[in-house]
Structure formats: structure tokens, C-alpha cells
Amino acid sequence: MTFTAYLAAPGFEADLRAELGEVMAEHGRLLLAEGPPRPAAWAANIWLEPQRLNVASIGEAAKALKAIQRNWWPHEFHLHRRTALLVDKLPKVSAKPLEFGQPAPTAPLGSFCWLDENTVLASARCSSPFPNGEAAFIEDRHAPPNRAYLKLWEALTLAGEMPRPGQTCLDLGASPGGWTWVLASTGARVISVDKAPLAPAIAAMPNVECRQESAFGLEPGGIGPVDWLCSDVICYPERLLRLVERWLDSGLARNFICTLKFQGETDHATAQRFAAIPGSRLLHLSHNKHELTWMRITPALA
């Protein structure tokens, strides 16, 4: 029987369960569901080719994993000592925080867990290049006005594309300016929109234009073409969807990165409408809270 393993973002097992429907089994945050892999926004990592390995010892488990490939990372939900002993017998995997601008890792990184003392569940291929889907960065604790910048760092790293000098970025719901700081730091021109003011140091950046007004009152034609439309605005997802649809219909925005923020219950229906937009991705970043990130990226021409 074909099945796939989905590792829920920490604390969002119920949302992943609702997204997947019926599941076969649960092992901590790891949910098993019948069928081939399918998109699952609330999964931090998807184990694309899970297989059960029957082993008589920790040494045999290590030998079986190394016969498949070199790099492995554990999902540890029980049998903690046994997991640590198995990790010690495997090649060490470097999981150093990235400096922003570095590409995401490209080396294959498999995932495994002990189901019981004689059974390992392992997948050589996973959806995320990061251990258990958790991206870590060398943080800047001085320049950005809040920690929201980490979401955009992660989104851009996963997108594999970056704003650059000569491009125009529109940052909606920008205050106090974490995302504007990221975008402006790439050398791109940034139009920053929010009723509230930006932090003074961000507003003073030479390539930042501040517009103190509502993001929802903007007409695409009044702004003109933008290379990046980014939104971390606080609003109901359905209202954000209407804004995104207006920009999509205009054809004036090339790339989108937007945060769907859920207030109270998760709006799964609207999330599915975002996911259905052609050419886009909906995912829970490791720096997201009760929110999802929607991206629609047009690859740069060579």
C-alpha cells in the first residue's frame, strides 16, 4: 500500500489533520496518510518515499540507512535514547544557520524515526531541504524593527529568487518595517504602504518610499508595474484574497509573497482557494505562527 508521511508544523497537528482528512496513524507530529504525496500547507516536511525497515539492532539500523544514502535527520517523538544512539552511528549532518542570501541546502537529507525498538520508518526524499523543515538563519538583532523579517528571509530562500537593484517592490501592511528592511537591503526600490508609520531608521533608507495609507485602498493602476508584491498585513484571509485577485487580474505584479493570518479558527476554505491559484505555493514557514505563506514566483529570465 502506498502511503506518505507528513510532519506537522509544531502545534498545528489539528490543522494538518483537517487538511489531510483520514489518516492511517500518528507518530508524534508525523501523520501517515494513504496515497502518493499531495500538497499539505500545514506540513513542515513531507516524507515523499517512506519505507519501514525491520532491524534487529541499532547497528543494523545504521547500516540500513547508510546503504540508502549518507545524510539523515531524526524525528524524535519517543525512544529518545535509542534515537540518540542511532544518530551517533550515522554521518554527522551540519545544520548551521544560514546567512541570508545563501541558497537553501541542496544535498539530499532523509528523515527517519523509530516506530518501535525493531522498526525504523525512513524516507530518503523529503519536501524540505532543512532538518524537519525548520530553517534557521544567523539573525540580525539590531537593524530590523521586529522579527517578522525572518519570515521573508525564509520565503525568499525557499523561492530561490531575490529582489535586486532596478526592481520595484510593494510592501503592504509594512509598519514597523521588517519586510521593507529586507527588500530595501537587496538594493531594490521599495514602496512601503501602511496607515501606521515605519520605524524612523527604515523610513530613512534611501530607496524606500513611504505611503501612509490603507493597502486595501490602492488601485494597481495607480501604482503601476511591480516586480514583487509582498504583504504581511493583518486582515482576514478572505479580504487578502480579494486584494490578491485584483492584482492578479491587473497583470501588474510579477511575484507575490503574502501572509494569511488566521484570527480565531483556521479558514481552511480560503486557504484552499489560495492554494488553487495556478503557479503558486501555500506553506507554513518555520517562522510562521497561526498563519500560512502564499507565494507565486515567476522565475527570472536567464
Protein backbone atom coordinates (compact mmCIF):
# COMPACT_ATOMS: atom_id res chain seq x y z
CA MET A 1 0.00 0.00 0.00
CA THR A 2 1.34 3.42 -0.97
CA PHE A 3 1.40 5.98 1.82
CA THR A 4 3.05 9.30 2.62
CA ALA A 5 4.25 10.77 5.92
CA TYR A 6 3.51 14.40 6.78
CA LEU A 7 5.34 16.14 9.63
CA ALA A 8 3.04 18.78 11.11
CA ALA A 9 4.37 22.22 11.93
CA PRO A 10 4.80 22.29 15.73
CA GLY A 11 1.47 22.91 17.43
CA PHE A 12 -0.58 22.61 14.24
CA GLU A 13 -1.29 18.89 14.15
CA ALA A 14 -5.06 19.54 14.16
CA ASP A 15 -4.79 21.82 11.12
CA LEU A 16 -2.77 19.22 9.21
CA ARG A 17 -5.24 16.52 10.22
CA ALA A 18 -8.12 18.64 8.89
CA GLU A 19 -6.20 19.29 5.67
CA LEU A 20 -5.36 15.63 5.02
CA GLY A 21 -8.68 14.11 6.04
CA GLU A 22 -8.45 10.47 7.14
CA VAL A 23 -5.02 9.39 8.40
CA MET A 24 -3.64 5.88 8.93
CA ALA A 25 -1.53 6.54 12.00
CA GLU A 26 0.10 9.30 14.02
CA HIS A 27 3.59 9.21 15.49
CA GLY A 28 4.01 12.42 17.44
CA ARG A 29 3.76 15.18 14.84
CA LEU A 30 4.15 12.68 11.99
CA LEU A 31 0.87 11.77 10.29
CA LEU A 32 0.66 8.89 7.81
CA ALA A 33 -1.94 9.03 5.05
CA GLU A 34 -2.71 6.67 2.20
CA GLY A 35 -1.72 7.56 -1.34
CA PRO A 36 1.13 9.41 -3.04
CA PRO A 37 2.37 12.79 -1.76
CA ARG A 38 -0.02 15.69 -2.11
CA PRO A 39 0.29 19.37 -1.18
CA ALA A 40 -0.18 19.96 2.53
CA ALA A 41 0.34 23.53 3.69
CA TRP A 42 0.42 22.66 7.40
CA ALA A 43 3.20 20.09 6.93
CA ALA A 44 6.63 21.41 7.83
CA ASN A 45 8.12 18.50 5.89
CA ILE A 46 6.67 15.73 3.72
CA TRP A 47 8.37 12.34 3.64
CA LEU A 48 7.96 11.53 -0.04
CA GLU A 49 9.16 7.90 -0.09
CA PRO A 50 8.63 6.41 3.39
CA GLN A 51 9.56 2.79 3.98
CA ARG A 52 9.61 0.56 7.05
CA LEU A 53 12.95 -1.04 7.91
CA ASN A 54 12.85 -4.10 10.14
CA VAL A 55 16.09 -4.21 12.15
CA ALA A 56 17.45 -6.35 14.96
CA SER A 57 19.76 -3.73 16.45
CA ILE A 58 20.82 -0.09 16.38
CA GLY A 59 23.89 -1.05 14.39
CA GLU A 60 21.75 -2.83 11.80
CA ALA A 61 19.51 0.24 11.57
CA ALA A 62 22.53 2.47 10.92
CA LYS A 63 23.83 0.09 8.27
CA ALA A 64 20.44 0.01 6.54
CA LEU A 65 20.15 3.81 6.48
CA LYS A 66 23.71 4.32 5.22
CA ALA A 67 23.06 1.81 2.45
CA ILE A 68 20.30 4.08 1.17
CA GLN A 69 22.17 7.41 1.37
CA ARG A 70 24.52 9.43 3.56
CA ASN A 71 22.55 12.21 5.26
CA TRP A 72 19.73 11.58 7.75
CA TRP A 73 17.86 13.62 10.35
CA PRO A 74 15.69 12.20 13.15
CA HIS A 75 12.08 12.91 14.03
CA GLU A 76 12.21 12.12 17.72
CA PHE A 77 8.88 11.54 19.44
CA HIS A 78 9.76 8.61 21.73
CA LEU A 79 12.62 6.15 22.29
CA HIS A 80 14.88 9.14 22.85
CA ARG A 81 17.95 7.20 23.98
CA ARG A 82 17.62 4.79 21.06
CA THR A 83 17.33 7.74 18.65
CA ALA A 84 20.47 9.36 20.08
CA LEU A 85 22.44 6.12 19.77
CA LEU A 86 21.40 5.70 16.15
CA VAL A 87 22.30 9.30 15.32
CA ASP A 88 25.77 8.68 16.81
CA LYS A 89 26.32 5.84 14.32
CA LEU A 90 25.34 7.93 11.29
CA PRO A 91 27.49 10.51 9.46
CA LYS A 92 27.26 13.92 11.13
CA VAL A 93 24.96 16.36 9.36
CA SER A 94 25.84 20.04 9.56
CA ALA A 95 22.78 22.13 10.33
CA LYS A 96 24.43 25.52 10.72
CA PRO A 97 22.18 28.58 10.44
CA LEU A 98 22.25 30.20 7.00
CA GLU A 99 23.46 33.69 6.31
CA PHE A 100 20.65 35.38 4.39
CA GLY A 101 21.42 35.29 0.69
CA GLN A 102 22.92 31.81 0.83
CA PRO A 103 20.91 29.27 -1.15
CA ALA A 104 18.93 26.56 0.60
CA PRO A 105 20.88 23.30 1.03
CA THR A 106 20.89 21.03 -2.00
CA ALA A 107 22.36 17.84 -0.54
CA PRO A 108 19.72 15.11 -0.07
CA LEU A 109 18.55 14.96 3.55
CA GLY A 110 16.48 11.99 4.60
CA SER A 111 14.28 11.71 7.67
CA PHE A 112 13.73 8.77 10.00
CA CYS A 113 12.08 7.79 13.27
CA TRP A 114 11.76 4.68 15.40
CA LEU A 115 8.24 3.25 15.27
CA ASP A 116 9.24 0.62 17.85
CA GLU A 117 12.50 -0.95 19.02
CA ASN A 118 12.79 -3.05 15.85
CA THR A 119 11.19 -0.85 13.20
CA VAL A 120 12.51 2.35 11.61
CA LEU A 121 10.37 4.49 9.33
CA ALA A 122 12.65 6.28 6.86
CA SER A 123 12.36 8.42 3.76
CA ALA A 124 15.39 9.30 1.65
CA ARG A 125 13.48 12.08 -0.14
CA CYS A 126 11.66 14.88 1.68
CA SER A 127 9.95 18.07 0.59
CA SER A 128 12.10 20.40 2.71
CA PRO A 129 15.87 20.84 2.41
CA PHE A 130 16.01 21.74 6.13
CA PRO A 131 16.06 19.36 9.12
CA ASN A 132 12.41 18.61 9.95
CA GLY A 133 11.50 21.59 7.77
CA GLU A 134 12.97 24.09 10.22
CA ALA A 135 15.01 26.83 8.51
CA ALA A 136 17.47 28.66 10.75
CA PHE A 137 19.29 31.91 9.97
CA ILE A 138 22.06 33.98 11.51
CA GLU A 139 19.78 36.66 12.87
CA ASP A 140 20.29 40.43 12.74
CA ARG A 141 19.30 41.62 16.20
CA HIS A 142 19.97 45.30 15.58
CA ALA A 143 18.79 46.69 12.22
CA PRO A 144 15.24 45.29 11.71
CA PRO A 145 12.49 46.75 13.93
CA ASN A 146 10.84 43.37 14.62
CA ARG A 147 11.35 39.65 13.98
CA ALA A 148 8.88 39.47 11.09
CA TYR A 149 11.83 39.85 8.72
CA LEU A 150 12.68 36.17 9.32
CA LYS A 151 9.51 35.09 7.51
CA LEU A 152 10.53 36.98 4.39
CA TRP A 153 14.11 35.72 4.62
CA GLU A 154 12.77 32.17 4.72
CA ALA A 155 10.24 32.71 1.92
CA LEU A 156 12.85 34.22 -0.41
CA THR A 157 15.33 31.45 0.38
CA LEU A 158 12.75 28.78 -0.46
CA ALA A 159 11.69 30.67 -3.59
CA GLY A 160 15.25 30.68 -4.86
CA GLU A 161 14.67 34.19 -6.23
CA MET A 162 15.58 37.57 -4.75
CA PRO A 163 14.71 41.20 -5.45
CA ARG A 164 17.60 43.09 -6.96
CA PRO A 165 18.65 46.66 -7.84
CA GLY A 166 16.47 48.14 -10.55
CA GLN A 167 13.37 46.24 -9.41
CA THR A 168 10.36 47.68 -7.61
CA CYS A 169 8.83 46.08 -4.51
CA LEU A 170 5.47 46.91 -2.97
CA ASP A 171 5.27 46.17 0.76
CA LEU A 172 1.68 46.19 2.06
CA GLY A 173 0.98 46.44 5.78
CA ALA A 174 4.61 47.42 6.20
CA SER A 175 4.78 49.01 9.67
CA PRO A 176 7.06 48.91 11.59
CA GLY A 177 9.18 47.92 8.59
CA GLY A 178 10.73 44.47 8.96
CA TRP A 179 9.83 43.37 5.44
CA THR A 180 10.65 46.79 3.97
CA TRP A 181 14.11 46.49 5.56
CA VAL A 182 14.66 43.10 3.89
CA LEU A 183 13.51 44.30 0.48
CA ALA A 184 15.45 47.58 0.62
CA SER A 185 18.58 45.76 1.76
CA THR A 186 18.65 43.92 -1.59
CA GLY A 187 19.07 47.26 -3.38
CA ALA A 188 15.56 47.23 -4.86
CA ARG A 189 13.24 50.24 -4.72
CA VAL A 190 10.50 49.74 -2.09
CA ILE A 191 7.08 51.38 -1.91
CA SER A 192 6.04 50.88 1.70
CA VAL A 193 2.32 51.16 2.48
CA ASP A 194 0.67 51.28 5.91
CA LYS A 195 -1.59 53.62 7.85
CA ALA A 196 0.94 53.45 10.68
CA PRO A 197 4.42 54.95 10.26
CA LEU A 198 7.59 52.99 9.66
CA ALA A 199 10.37 52.92 12.22
CA PRO A 200 12.44 56.09 11.53
CA ALA A 201 15.60 54.20 10.57
CA ILE A 202 13.68 52.17 7.98
CA ALA A 203 11.82 55.17 6.58
CA ALA A 204 15.17 56.94 6.16
CA MET A 205 16.61 54.26 3.88
CA PRO A 206 17.34 55.99 0.54
CA ASN A 207 15.45 53.51 -1.65
CA VAL A 208 12.27 53.47 0.48
CA GLU A 209 9.16 55.48 -0.43
CA CYS A 210 6.60 55.68 2.40
CA ARG A 211 2.87 55.93 1.70
CA GLN A 212 0.83 56.30 4.90
CA GLU A 213 -2.50 54.91 3.68
CA SER A 214 -4.52 51.69 3.56
CA ALA A 215 -3.19 48.81 1.47
CA PHE A 216 -6.78 47.98 0.52
CA GLY A 217 -7.46 51.41 -0.93
CA LEU A 218 -4.70 51.14 -3.51
CA GLU A 219 -5.57 50.59 -7.14
CA PRO A 220 -2.96 48.62 -9.09
CA GLY A 221 -3.12 51.10 -11.94
CA GLY A 222 -2.24 53.91 -9.55
CA ILE A 223 0.95 52.13 -8.53
CA GLY A 224 1.98 50.66 -11.86
CA PRO A 225 4.09 47.55 -12.51
CA VAL A 226 5.88 45.99 -9.55
CA ASP A 227 8.34 43.11 -9.55
CA TRP A 228 7.43 41.99 -6.03
CA LEU A 229 4.16 42.38 -4.17
CA CYS A 230 4.68 41.47 -0.51
CA SER A 231 2.06 41.58 2.21
CA ASP A 232 2.27 40.84 5.91
CA VAL A 233 -0.86 42.90 6.56
CA ILE A 234 -3.18 41.93 9.41
CA CYS A 235 -6.58 41.10 7.92
CA TYR A 236 -8.96 38.21 7.39
CA PRO A 237 -7.67 35.84 4.67
CA GLU A 238 -10.76 36.38 2.51
CA ARG A 239 -10.04 40.11 2.36
CA LEU A 240 -6.43 39.41 1.41
CA LEU A 241 -7.65 37.06 -1.32
CA ARG A 242 -9.75 39.82 -2.86
CA LEU A 243 -6.71 42.13 -2.84
CA VAL A 244 -4.50 39.46 -4.45
CA GLU A 245 -7.13 38.69 -7.10
CA ARG A 246 -7.32 42.37 -8.01
CA TRP A 247 -3.57 42.48 -8.55
CA LEU A 248 -3.56 39.19 -10.45
CA ASP A 249 -6.30 40.48 -12.75
CA SER A 250 -4.31 43.66 -13.37
CA GLY A 251 -1.23 41.76 -14.52
CA LEU A 252 0.92 44.42 -12.89
CA ALA A 253 2.65 42.27 -10.25
CA ARG A 254 5.25 39.68 -11.24
CA ASN A 255 5.97 37.94 -7.92
CA PHE A 256 3.84 37.59 -4.77
CA ILE A 257 4.70 36.71 -1.16
CA CYS A 258 1.75 37.13 1.22
CA THR A 259 0.93 36.03 4.76
CA LEU A 260 -2.52 34.60 5.51
CA LYS A 261 -3.17 35.44 9.16
CA PHE A 262 -5.88 33.46 10.90
CA GLN A 263 -7.83 35.16 13.63
CA GLY A 264 -9.58 32.51 15.71
CA GLU A 265 -10.42 29.36 13.75
CA THR A 266 -8.35 28.45 10.71
CA ASP A 267 -10.12 29.44 7.49
CA HIS A 268 -9.34 26.26 5.55
CA ALA A 269 -11.75 27.14 2.73
CA THR A 270 -9.97 30.40 1.87
CA ALA A 271 -6.58 28.73 2.26
CA GLN A 272 -7.64 26.18 -0.35
CA ARG A 273 -8.64 29.00 -2.71
CA PHE A 274 -5.14 30.48 -2.39
CA ALA A 275 -3.59 27.05 -2.97
CA ALA A 276 -5.66 26.63 -6.14
CA ILE A 277 -4.20 29.75 -7.80
CA PRO A 278 -2.10 28.43 -10.71
CA GLY A 279 1.65 28.50 -10.27
CA SER A 280 1.58 29.17 -6.54
CA ARG A 281 2.61 27.52 -3.27
CA LEU A 282 0.96 27.64 0.13
CA LEU A 283 3.08 26.60 3.09
CA HIS A 284 3.70 27.02 6.78
CA LEU A 285 7.13 28.55 7.24
CA SER A 286 9.12 27.62 10.32
CA HIS A 287 8.88 31.31 11.33
CA ASN A 288 5.09 31.47 10.85
CA LYS A 289 2.71 31.42 13.79
CA HIS A 290 -1.03 30.72 13.21
CA GLU A 291 -0.59 31.76 9.60
CA LEU A 292 0.42 30.48 6.20
CA THR A 293 2.57 31.99 3.48
CA TRP A 294 1.35 32.11 -0.12
CA MET A 295 3.92 32.57 -2.88
CA ARG A 296 3.64 32.93 -6.62
CA ILE A 297 7.09 33.35 -8.14
CA THR A 298 7.91 33.87 -11.79
CA PRO A 299 11.45 32.57 -12.45
CA ALA A 300 13.87 35.22 -13.66
CA LEU A 301 14.89 35.04 -17.28
CA ALA A 302 18.42 33.76 -17.82
